[in-house]
Amino acid sequence: MDVLSTLPQFDCFPDMKSLDEVNDEALRVLTRELGVAYTARFLRQFTTGSGDYTEDRKELFKDQSLDDVLELIRKRREDLNA
């Protein structure tokens, strides 16, 4: 006999909303407070991209050393701050 099955069953959260209900409410609140564009922008940060960044990075930087990449970063920062 399973010991857990002998314990009384309690519904700790009898009024708990379903995940769909929570998501719907969250979207309504975000859209009301931030607007459609900012809501979309906010949600985009939680989505995963596509592809394999590790392989893409290897291909992108295969002919460059770490020093080359760092120099490129420094130059771009200088250009942005100019």
Protein backbone atom coordinates (compact mmCIF):
# COMPACT_ATOMS: atom_id res chain seq x y z
CA MET A 1 0.00 0.00 0.00
CA ASP A 2 1.25 3.48 -0.93
CA VAL A 3 1.71 5.59 2.22
CA LEU A 4 0.85 8.82 0.40
CA SER A 5 -2.52 7.46 -0.68
CA THR A 6 -3.52 7.05 2.99
CA LEU A 7 -3.00 10.73 3.78
CA PRO A 8 -5.95 13.12 3.62
CA GLN A 9 -6.11 15.11 0.40
CA PHE A 10 -5.97 18.87 0.78
CA ASP A 11 -6.51 21.43 -1.91
CA CYS A 12 -4.08 24.10 -0.74
CA PHE A 13 -5.09 26.53 -3.46
CA PRO A 14 -8.79 26.00 -4.18
CA ASP A 15 -9.11 29.28 -6.09
CA MET A 16 -5.86 28.96 -8.05
CA LYS A 17 -6.15 30.19 -11.61
CA SER A 18 -5.00 28.02 -14.46
CA LEU A 19 -1.76 28.96 -16.18
CA ASP A 20 -3.76 30.06 -19.23
CA GLU A 21 -5.83 32.40 -17.05
CA VAL A 22 -2.69 33.83 -15.44
CA ASN A 23 -1.09 34.39 -18.86
CA ASP A 24 -4.22 36.08 -20.22
CA GLU A 25 -4.44 38.38 -17.22
CA ALA A 26 -0.73 39.19 -17.39
CA LEU A 27 -1.01 40.13 -21.06
CA ARG A 28 -4.01 42.36 -20.34
CA VAL A 29 -2.16 44.13 -17.51
CA LEU A 30 1.05 44.56 -19.50
CA THR A 31 -0.82 45.87 -22.54
CA ARG A 32 -2.88 48.26 -20.43
CA GLU A 33 0.13 49.59 -18.53
CA LEU A 34 2.83 49.51 -21.23
CA GLY A 35 0.96 49.50 -24.52
CA VAL A 36 1.22 46.95 -27.28
CA ALA A 37 4.70 47.87 -28.54
CA TYR A 38 6.39 47.82 -25.13
CA THR A 39 4.54 44.65 -24.14
CA ALA A 40 5.86 42.94 -27.27
CA ARG A 41 9.35 44.27 -26.56
CA PHE A 42 9.17 43.03 -22.96
CA LEU A 43 7.99 39.55 -23.96
CA ARG A 44 10.60 39.23 -26.71
CA GLN A 45 13.38 39.05 -24.11
CA PHE A 46 12.01 35.72 -22.86
CA THR A 47 11.88 33.97 -26.22
CA THR A 48 14.69 31.80 -27.41
CA GLY A 49 16.27 32.41 -30.75
CA SER A 50 16.92 29.87 -33.40
CA GLY A 51 20.08 28.26 -34.64
CA ASP A 52 23.23 27.23 -32.85
CA TYR A 53 25.08 30.30 -31.60
CA THR A 54 28.14 28.28 -30.62
CA GLU A 55 28.61 27.01 -34.17
CA ASP A 56 27.69 30.40 -35.67
CA ARG A 57 30.24 32.13 -33.42
CA LYS A 58 32.96 29.68 -34.41
CA GLU A 59 32.27 30.37 -38.08
CA LEU A 60 31.97 34.13 -37.60
CA PHE A 61 35.25 34.49 -35.71
CA LYS A 62 37.25 31.60 -37.18
CA ASP A 63 39.84 33.89 -38.77
CA GLN A 64 40.12 36.29 -35.83
CA SER A 65 42.06 36.10 -32.60
CA LEU A 66 40.67 37.23 -29.27
CA ASP A 67 42.80 40.37 -29.56
CA ASP A 68 41.21 41.10 -32.98
CA VAL A 69 37.72 40.82 -31.53
CA LEU A 70 38.58 42.96 -28.51
CA GLU A 71 40.05 45.65 -30.77
CA LEU A 72 36.89 45.62 -32.88
CA ILE A 73 34.81 46.10 -29.71
CA ARG A 74 37.03 48.98 -28.56
CA LYS A 75 36.74 50.73 -31.95
CA ARG A 76 32.95 50.36 -32.00
CA ARG A 77 32.68 51.77 -28.48
CA GLU A 78 34.87 54.72 -29.45
CA ASP A 79 32.70 55.35 -32.51
CA LEU A 80 29.55 55.27 -30.39
CA ASN A 81 31.03 57.70 -27.89
CA ALA A 82 32.40 60.09 -30.52
